[in-house]
């Protein structure tokens, strides 16, 4: 190996790793957007259950979270809660 090939190998490794990191970042963006929307839905459902506590029986934390997960996952599309 000649002494002039060393800097070229380092340059190619840096370019390849930078390109790979950019591709990984772009592939993660849709997943992070979906997770952000789901977390916002979860928090909104928990808040609405706590605000409308008079209309519901006394929910403990596990029931609140279970209801929020079911709603955010689409289990109750047109549900009427009595």
Protein backbone atom coordinates (compact mmCIF):
# COMPACT_ATOMS: atom_id res chain seq x y z
CA UNK A 1 0.00 0.00 0.00
CA UNK A 2 1.44 3.31 -1.00
CA UNK A 3 1.52 6.20 1.47
CA UNK A 4 -0.89 8.20 -0.72
CA UNK A 5 -3.76 5.69 -0.41
CA UNK A 6 -4.21 6.25 3.34
CA UNK A 7 -5.90 9.67 3.10
CA UNK A 8 -8.14 8.44 0.27
CA UNK A 9 -9.39 5.49 2.31
CA UNK A 10 -10.19 7.76 5.24
CA UNK A 11 -12.02 10.17 2.92
CA UNK A 12 -14.11 7.34 1.43
CA UNK A 13 -14.95 5.98 4.89
CA UNK A 14 -16.10 9.43 6.06
CA UNK A 15 -18.24 9.92 2.96
CA UNK A 16 -19.79 6.45 3.29
CA UNK A 17 -20.57 6.82 6.99
CA UNK A 18 -22.06 10.30 6.47
CA UNK A 19 -24.26 9.02 3.65
CA UNK A 20 -25.38 6.08 5.79
CA UNK A 21 -26.30 8.32 8.72
CA UNK A 22 -28.35 10.59 6.43
CA UNK A 23 -30.24 7.59 5.03
CA UNK A 24 -30.93 6.24 8.52
CA UNK A 25 -32.22 9.64 9.61
CA UNK A 26 -34.62 9.86 6.67
CA UNK A 27 -35.88 6.34 7.28
CA UNK A 28 -36.62 7.08 10.97
CA UNK A 29 -38.60 10.29 10.33
CA UNK A 30 -41.97 8.64 9.46
CA UNK A 31 -41.75 6.41 12.52
CA UNK A 32 -41.03 9.35 14.80
CA UNK A 33 -43.94 11.35 13.35
CA UNK A 34 -46.32 8.45 13.95
CA UNK A 35 -45.04 8.02 17.52
CA UNK A 36 -45.47 11.76 18.17
CA UNK A 37 -49.09 11.67 16.96
CA UNK A 38 -49.84 8.55 19.03
CA UNK A 39 -48.35 10.10 22.18
CA UNK A 40 -50.37 13.27 21.64
CA UNK A 41 -53.55 11.18 21.24
CA UNK A 42 -52.73 9.23 24.40
CA UNK A 43 -52.19 12.38 26.47
CA UNK A 44 -55.36 14.03 25.10
CA UNK A 45 -57.50 11.00 25.98
CA UNK A 46 -56.08 10.86 29.51
CA UNK A 47 -56.77 14.59 29.97
CA UNK A 48 -60.33 14.31 28.68
CA UNK A 49 -61.09 11.35 30.95
CA UNK A 50 -59.79 13.28 33.96
CA UNK A 51 -61.68 16.46 33.00
CA UNK A 52 -64.96 14.60 32.46
CA UNK A 53 -64.62 12.56 35.62
CA UNK A 54 -68.23 13.23 36.60
CA UNK A 55 -69.50 11.41 33.51
CA UNK A 56 -67.35 8.34 34.14
CA UNK A 57 -67.12 6.07 37.10
CA UNK A 58 -63.99 6.58 39.14
CA UNK A 59 -61.14 5.45 36.87
CA UNK A 60 -57.85 4.41 38.32
CA UNK A 61 -54.61 4.89 36.42
CA UNK A 62 -54.62 1.45 34.81
CA UNK A 63 -58.15 1.88 33.46
CA UNK A 64 -57.31 5.34 32.11
CA UNK A 65 -54.25 4.05 30.28
CA UNK A 66 -56.11 1.00 28.95
CA UNK A 67 -58.89 3.19 27.58
CA UNK A 68 -56.38 5.62 26.05
CA UNK A 69 -54.46 2.81 24.33
CA UNK A 70 -57.65 1.30 22.96
CA UNK A 71 -58.87 4.63 21.59
CA UNK A 72 -55.52 5.62 20.07
CA UNK A 73 -55.13 2.21 18.45
CA UNK A 74 -58.54 2.53 16.83
CA UNK A 75 -60.58 0.09 18.90
CA UNK A 76 -63.37 2.62 19.40
CA UNK A 77 -64.05 4.30 16.10
CA UNK A 78 -67.69 5.21 16.74
CA UNK A 79 -68.12 4.25 20.36
CA UNK A 80 -70.58 5.89 22.71
CA UNK A 81 -69.41 5.79 26.29
CA UNK A 82 -72.23 5.86 28.83
